[in-house]
Amino acid sequence: MEYELLDELNFFEEEVTVEQLSYLVVVMYDITDNKRRLFFSKMLKGYGNWVQRSVFECILTEKKFNHLVREIEKFVLPHDLIRVYRLAGNTTVKVWGPVGFTEEEDIIII
């Protein structure tokens, strides 16, 4: 009986397309102008969690990642330093301190 139930559950599984995959994205920045730095951090809050003074962690789909990159490209000036890391697969992150690791929330509907 259990095996039949598992087969039925597998029947409803959908294939995950590239557009649906999520990645852990880390954005680090060094922007000297206070007004521009504040604007940039507010923009990044729309994508993820502020984990250190100039570091954000985000869980993004390919589409949102590309949108973020386009926004950064429009914003950046030659003297700014902005680094974006898109991590995929079995990335291991060790965290110490009061801000936890950014994880994708699992949604289960029963």
C-alpha atoms as a PDB file:
ATOM      1  CA  MET A   1       0.000   0.000   0.000  1.00  0.00           C
ATOM      2  CA  GLU A   2       2.789   2.438   0.899  1.00  0.00           C
ATOM      3  CA  TYR A   3       4.442   1.859  -2.456  1.00  0.00           C
ATOM      4  CA  GLU A   4       1.228   2.629  -4.299  1.00  0.00           C
ATOM      5  CA  LEU A   5       0.941   5.911  -2.390  1.00  0.00           C
ATOM      6  CA  LEU A   6       4.527   6.812  -3.269  1.00  0.00           C
ATOM      7  CA  ASP A   7       3.840   6.067  -6.931  1.00  0.00           C
ATOM      8  CA  GLU A   8       0.802   8.338  -6.818  1.00  0.00           C
ATOM      9  CA  LEU A   9       2.856  11.140  -5.228  1.00  0.00           C
ATOM     10  CA  ASN A  10       5.558  10.792  -7.880  1.00  0.00           C
ATOM     11  CA  PHE A  11       2.864  11.099 -10.532  1.00  0.00           C
ATOM     12  CA  PHE A  12       2.279  14.700  -9.445  1.00  0.00           C
ATOM     13  CA  GLU A  13       5.959  15.730  -9.478  1.00  0.00           C
ATOM     14  CA  GLU A  14       6.795  18.321 -12.096  1.00  0.00           C
ATOM     15  CA  GLU A  15      10.089  18.806 -13.826  1.00  0.00           C
ATOM     16  CA  VAL A  16      12.048  21.787 -12.595  1.00  0.00           C
ATOM     17  CA  THR A  17      13.153  24.087 -15.395  1.00  0.00           C
ATOM     18  CA  VAL A  18      16.266  26.264 -15.311  1.00  0.00           C
ATOM     19  CA  GLU A  19      14.065  29.318 -14.714  1.00  0.00           C
ATOM     20  CA  GLN A  20      12.675  27.728 -11.528  1.00  0.00           C
ATOM     21  CA  LEU A  21      16.049  26.811  -9.969  1.00  0.00           C
ATOM     22  CA  SER A  22      17.148  28.968  -7.054  1.00  0.00           C
ATOM     23  CA  TYR A  23      20.682  29.957  -6.175  1.00  0.00           C
ATOM     24  CA  LEU A  24      22.328  31.386  -3.114  1.00  0.00           C
ATOM     25  CA  VAL A  25      23.664  34.767  -4.216  1.00  0.00           C
ATOM     26  CA  VAL A  26      26.095  36.770  -2.071  1.00  0.00           C
ATOM     27  CA  VAL A  27      26.510  40.484  -2.818  1.00  0.00           C
ATOM     28  CA  MET A  28      29.386  42.441  -1.247  1.00  0.00           C
ATOM     29  CA  TYR A  29      29.986  46.105  -1.820  1.00  0.00           C
ATOM     30  CA  ASP A  30      32.297  48.958  -0.915  1.00  0.00           C
ATOM     31  CA  ILE A  31      30.656  52.257  -1.824  1.00  0.00           C
ATOM     32  CA  THR A  32      32.207  55.326  -0.201  1.00  0.00           C
ATOM     33  CA  ASP A  33      29.372  57.798  -0.768  1.00  0.00           C
ATOM     34  CA  ASN A  34      26.865  57.483   2.116  1.00  0.00           C
ATOM     35  CA  LYS A  35      23.802  58.457   0.072  1.00  0.00           C
ATOM     36  CA  ARG A  36      24.587  56.027  -2.761  1.00  0.00           C
ATOM     37  CA  ARG A  37      25.486  53.249  -0.284  1.00  0.00           C
ATOM     38  CA  LEU A  38      22.151  53.702   1.522  1.00  0.00           C
ATOM     39  CA  PHE A  39      20.265  53.627  -1.788  1.00  0.00           C
ATOM     40  CA  PHE A  40      22.138  50.459  -2.834  1.00  0.00           C
ATOM     41  CA  SER A  41      21.449  48.656   0.449  1.00  0.00           C
ATOM     42  CA  LYS A  42      17.734  49.537   0.230  1.00  0.00           C
ATOM     43  CA  MET A  43      17.646  48.133  -3.297  1.00  0.00           C
ATOM     44  CA  LEU A  44      19.331  44.910  -2.135  1.00  0.00           C
ATOM     45  CA  LYS A  45      16.803  44.499   0.708  1.00  0.00           C
ATOM     46  CA  GLY A  46      14.260  43.804  -2.013  1.00  0.00           C
ATOM     47  CA  TYR A  47      16.285  40.729  -2.991  1.00  0.00           C
ATOM     48  CA  GLY A  48      17.576  39.222   0.234  1.00  0.00           C
ATOM     49  CA  ASN A  49      18.869  39.523   3.783  1.00  0.00           C
ATOM     50  CA  TRP A  50      21.424  41.963   5.126  1.00  0.00           C
ATOM     51  CA  VAL A  51      23.930  39.742   6.964  1.00  0.00           C
ATOM     52  CA  GLN A  52      26.845  42.146   7.512  1.00  0.00           C
ATOM     53  CA  ARG A  53      27.491  45.846   6.985  1.00  0.00           C
ATOM     54  CA  SER A  54      28.100  45.519   3.261  1.00  0.00           C
ATOM     55  CA  VAL A  55      27.024  41.932   2.582  1.00  0.00           C
ATOM     56  CA  PHE A  56      23.674  40.517   1.482  1.00  0.00           C
ATOM     57  CA  GLU A  57      22.603  36.905   1.005  1.00  0.00           C
ATOM     58  CA  CYS A  58      19.772  36.238  -1.424  1.00  0.00           C
ATOM     59  CA  ILE A  59      17.933  33.187  -2.717  1.00  0.00           C
ATOM     60  CA  LEU A  60      17.193  34.038  -6.347  1.00  0.00           C
ATOM     61  CA  THR A  61      15.874  32.373  -9.460  1.00  0.00           C
ATOM     62  CA  GLU A  62      17.792  32.835 -12.688  1.00  0.00           C
ATOM     63  CA  LYS A  63      15.352  35.557 -13.752  1.00  0.00           C
ATOM     64  CA  LYS A  64      15.686  37.524 -10.487  1.00  0.00           C
ATOM     65  CA  PHE A  65      19.462  37.078 -10.539  1.00  0.00           C
ATOM     66  CA  ASN A  66      19.651  38.565 -14.036  1.00  0.00           C
ATOM     67  CA  HIS A  67      17.378  41.436 -12.966  1.00  0.00           C
ATOM     68  CA  LEU A  68      19.653  42.157  -9.979  1.00  0.00           C
ATOM     69  CA  VAL A  69      22.749  42.177 -12.202  1.00  0.00           C
ATOM     70  CA  ARG A  70      21.102  44.636 -14.612  1.00  0.00           C
ATOM     71  CA  GLU A  71      20.186  46.952 -11.703  1.00  0.00           C
ATOM     72  CA  ILE A  72      23.757  46.832 -10.388  1.00  0.00           C
ATOM     73  CA  GLU A  73      25.179  47.555 -13.853  1.00  0.00           C
ATOM     74  CA  LYS A  74      23.014  50.704 -14.069  1.00  0.00           C
ATOM     75  CA  PHE A  75      24.082  51.816 -10.571  1.00  0.00           C
ATOM     76  CA  VAL A  76      27.824  51.146 -10.395  1.00  0.00           C
ATOM     77  CA  LEU A  77      30.438  53.894 -10.846  1.00  0.00           C
ATOM     78  CA  PRO A  78      34.130  53.323 -11.684  1.00  0.00           C
ATOM     79  CA  HIS A  79      35.312  53.830  -8.082  1.00  0.00           C
ATOM     80  CA  ASP A  80      32.734  51.400  -6.576  1.00  0.00           C
ATOM     81  CA  LEU A  81      33.627  47.852  -5.645  1.00  0.00           C
ATOM     82  CA  ILE A  82      30.735  45.401  -5.945  1.00  0.00           C
ATOM     83  CA  ARG A  83      31.114  41.621  -6.016  1.00  0.00           C
ATOM     84  CA  VAL A  84      28.316  39.154  -6.743  1.00  0.00           C
ATOM     85  CA  TYR A  85      28.760  35.415  -6.135  1.00  0.00           C
ATOM     86  CA  ARG A  86      26.146  32.987  -7.417  1.00  0.00           C
ATOM     87  CA  LEU A  87      26.618  29.708  -5.582  1.00  0.00           C
ATOM     88  CA  ALA A  88      25.006  26.513  -6.769  1.00  0.00           C
ATOM     89  CA  GLY A  89      24.936  22.868  -5.803  1.00  0.00           C
ATOM     90  CA  ASN A  90      26.078  21.619  -2.432  1.00  0.00           C
ATOM     91  CA  THR A  91      27.475  24.886  -1.116  1.00  0.00           C
ATOM     92  CA  THR A  92      28.539  24.701   2.505  1.00  0.00           C
ATOM     93  CA  VAL A  93      28.348  27.875   4.576  1.00  0.00           C
ATOM     94  CA  LYS A  94      29.442  28.056   8.224  1.00  0.00           C
ATOM     95  CA  VAL A  95      27.827  30.865  10.213  1.00  0.00           C
ATOM     96  CA  TRP A  96      28.761  32.371  13.578  1.00  0.00           C
ATOM     97  CA  GLY A  97      26.897  35.292  15.092  1.00  0.00           C
ATOM     98  CA  PRO A  98      23.336  36.507  15.543  1.00  0.00           C
ATOM     99  CA  VAL A  99      22.348  36.537  11.852  1.00  0.00           C
ATOM    100  CA  GLY A 100      21.543  33.044  10.623  1.00  0.00           C
ATOM    101  CA  PHE A 101      22.196  31.533   7.229  1.00  0.00           C
ATOM    102  CA  THR A 102      19.798  32.550   4.468  1.00  0.00           C
ATOM    103  CA  GLU A 103      17.840  29.519   3.322  1.00  0.00           C
ATOM    104  CA  GLU A 104      15.077  28.956   0.855  1.00  0.00           C
ATOM    105  CA  GLU A 105      11.843  28.325   2.701  1.00  0.00           C
ATOM    106  CA  ASP A 106      10.167  25.035   1.932  1.00  0.00           C
ATOM    107  CA  ILE A 107       6.472  25.374   1.332  1.00  0.00           C
ATOM    108  CA  ILE A 108       4.407  22.273   1.898  1.00  0.00           C
ATOM    109  CA  ILE A 109       0.710  22.287   1.067  1.00  0.00           C
ATOM    110  CA  ILE A 110      -1.297  19.370   2.396  1.00  0.00           C
END
